[in-house]
Amino acid sequence: MPKMDGREALKAIKADPRLRRLPVVVLTTSKAEEDILRTYDLGVAAFITKPVTFEGLVEVMKSLKKFWFEIVTLPSMGQN
């Protein structure tokens, strides 16, 4: 499979009827408004700029886990 960047991977996920409802969270070093807008335009569920420290990253991951696995109600992936 040819290499693709994150935006290309996101486009492929959102183009696949089996995966298009899959919530995608982008974790990046970018804070550029253009990147944020382009990424949301592709259907991303969240855009997060990586924290500078490992401890910060751990906290972000804990928050994501809590949100996606304890708070949010998602549709079954098998439903169209």
C-alpha atoms as a PDB file:
ATOM      1  CA  MET A   1       0.000   0.000   0.000  1.00  0.00           C
ATOM      2  CA  PRO A   2       1.427   3.388  -0.883  1.00  0.00           C
ATOM      3  CA  LYS A   3       2.198   5.718   1.969  1.00  0.00           C
ATOM      4  CA  MET A   4      -0.366   8.383   2.752  1.00  0.00           C
ATOM      5  CA  ASP A   5      -0.476  11.304   5.118  1.00  0.00           C
ATOM      6  CA  GLY A   6      -3.078  11.794   7.821  1.00  0.00           C
ATOM      7  CA  ARG A   7      -5.428  13.834   5.649  1.00  0.00           C
ATOM      8  CA  GLU A   8      -5.335  11.199   2.906  1.00  0.00           C
ATOM      9  CA  ALA A   9      -6.053   8.487   5.477  1.00  0.00           C
ATOM     10  CA  LEU A  10      -8.950  10.548   6.865  1.00  0.00           C
ATOM     11  CA  LYS A  11     -10.374  11.015   3.344  1.00  0.00           C
ATOM     12  CA  ALA A  12     -10.178   7.253   2.766  1.00  0.00           C
ATOM     13  CA  ILE A  13     -11.900   6.494   6.079  1.00  0.00           C
ATOM     14  CA  LYS A  14     -14.692   8.988   5.426  1.00  0.00           C
ATOM     15  CA  ALA A  15     -15.151   7.701   1.845  1.00  0.00           C
ATOM     16  CA  ASP A  16     -15.693   4.116   3.024  1.00  0.00           C
ATOM     17  CA  PRO A  17     -19.400   3.528   3.857  1.00  0.00           C
ATOM     18  CA  ARG A  18     -18.390   0.986   6.519  1.00  0.00           C
ATOM     19  CA  LEU A  19     -16.123   3.475   8.300  1.00  0.00           C
ATOM     20  CA  ARG A  20     -17.571   6.932   7.628  1.00  0.00           C
ATOM     21  CA  ARG A  21     -19.284   7.124  11.042  1.00  0.00           C
ATOM     22  CA  LEU A  22     -16.098   6.151  12.841  1.00  0.00           C
ATOM     23  CA  PRO A  23     -15.144   9.115  15.024  1.00  0.00           C
ATOM     24  CA  VAL A  24     -11.620  10.202  14.162  1.00  0.00           C
ATOM     25  CA  VAL A  25      -9.565  12.284  16.574  1.00  0.00           C
ATOM     26  CA  VAL A  26      -6.527  14.036  15.121  1.00  0.00           C
ATOM     27  CA  LEU A  27      -3.554  14.448  17.440  1.00  0.00           C
ATOM     28  CA  THR A  28      -1.002  16.789  15.888  1.00  0.00           C
ATOM     29  CA  THR A  29       1.729  19.306  16.583  1.00  0.00           C
ATOM     30  CA  SER A  30      -0.049  21.921  14.477  1.00  0.00           C
ATOM     31  CA  LYS A  31      -1.896  24.913  15.904  1.00  0.00           C
ATOM     32  CA  ALA A  32      -2.432  26.525  12.500  1.00  0.00           C
ATOM     33  CA  GLU A  33      -5.994  27.712  11.881  1.00  0.00           C
ATOM     34  CA  GLU A  34      -5.758  26.516   8.265  1.00  0.00           C
ATOM     35  CA  ASP A  35      -4.917  22.973   9.422  1.00  0.00           C
ATOM     36  CA  ILE A  36      -7.760  23.023  11.938  1.00  0.00           C
ATOM     37  CA  LEU A  37     -10.309  24.179   9.348  1.00  0.00           C
ATOM     38  CA  ARG A  38      -9.119  21.768   6.633  1.00  0.00           C
ATOM     39  CA  THR A  39      -9.185  18.855   9.047  1.00  0.00           C
ATOM     40  CA  TYR A  40     -12.697  19.602  10.324  1.00  0.00           C
ATOM     41  CA  ASP A  41     -13.843  20.024   6.711  1.00  0.00           C
ATOM     42  CA  LEU A  42     -12.763  16.406   6.163  1.00  0.00           C
ATOM     43  CA  GLY A  43     -15.094  15.207   8.923  1.00  0.00           C
ATOM     44  CA  VAL A  44     -12.824  14.802  11.923  1.00  0.00           C
ATOM     45  CA  ALA A  45     -14.537  14.496  15.330  1.00  0.00           C
ATOM     46  CA  ALA A  46     -11.820  16.407  17.191  1.00  0.00           C
ATOM     47  CA  PHE A  47      -8.548  18.215  16.536  1.00  0.00           C
ATOM     48  CA  ILE A  48      -6.088  18.166  19.437  1.00  0.00           C
ATOM     49  CA  THR A  49      -2.687  19.818  19.533  1.00  0.00           C
ATOM     50  CA  LYS A  50      -0.222  17.512  21.279  1.00  0.00           C
ATOM     51  CA  PRO A  51       0.923  18.661  24.692  1.00  0.00           C
ATOM     52  CA  VAL A  52       4.620  19.389  25.037  1.00  0.00           C
ATOM     53  CA  THR A  53       5.201  17.033  27.973  1.00  0.00           C
ATOM     54  CA  PHE A  54       4.642  13.312  28.354  1.00  0.00           C
ATOM     55  CA  GLU A  55       2.558  13.986  31.452  1.00  0.00           C
ATOM     56  CA  GLY A  56       0.370  16.338  29.425  1.00  0.00           C
ATOM     57  CA  LEU A  57      -0.074  13.682  26.764  1.00  0.00           C
ATOM     58  CA  VAL A  58      -1.105  11.134  29.391  1.00  0.00           C
ATOM     59  CA  GLU A  59      -3.745  13.561  30.699  1.00  0.00           C
ATOM     60  CA  VAL A  60      -5.098  14.161  27.199  1.00  0.00           C
ATOM     61  CA  MET A  61      -5.313  10.398  26.611  1.00  0.00           C
ATOM     62  CA  LYS A  62      -7.141   9.899  29.917  1.00  0.00           C
ATOM     63  CA  SER A  63      -9.622  12.620  28.979  1.00  0.00           C
ATOM     64  CA  LEU A  64     -10.169  11.113  25.534  1.00  0.00           C
ATOM     65  CA  LYS A  65     -10.726   7.676  27.026  1.00  0.00           C
ATOM     66  CA  LYS A  66     -13.255   9.022  29.503  1.00  0.00           C
ATOM     67  CA  PHE A  67     -15.099  11.010  26.833  1.00  0.00           C
ATOM     68  CA  TRP A  68     -15.266   8.314  24.136  1.00  0.00           C
ATOM     69  CA  PHE A  69     -15.774   5.269  26.369  1.00  0.00           C
ATOM     70  CA  GLU A  70     -17.770   6.625  29.326  1.00  0.00           C
ATOM     71  CA  ILE A  71     -19.638   9.758  28.247  1.00  0.00           C
ATOM     72  CA  VAL A  72     -20.515   9.609  24.540  1.00  0.00           C
ATOM     73  CA  THR A  73     -23.182   7.362  23.061  1.00  0.00           C
ATOM     74  CA  LEU A  74     -22.129   6.170  19.619  1.00  0.00           C
ATOM     75  CA  PRO A  75     -24.113   4.264  16.994  1.00  0.00           C
ATOM     76  CA  SER A  76     -23.270   0.653  16.355  1.00  0.00           C
ATOM     77  CA  MET A  77     -20.638   0.358  13.618  1.00  0.00           C
ATOM     78  CA  GLY A  78     -22.813  -2.298  11.939  1.00  0.00           C
ATOM     79  CA  GLN A  79     -25.722   0.105  11.379  1.00  0.00           C
ATOM     80  CA  ASN A  80     -26.002   2.047   8.117  1.00  0.00           C
END
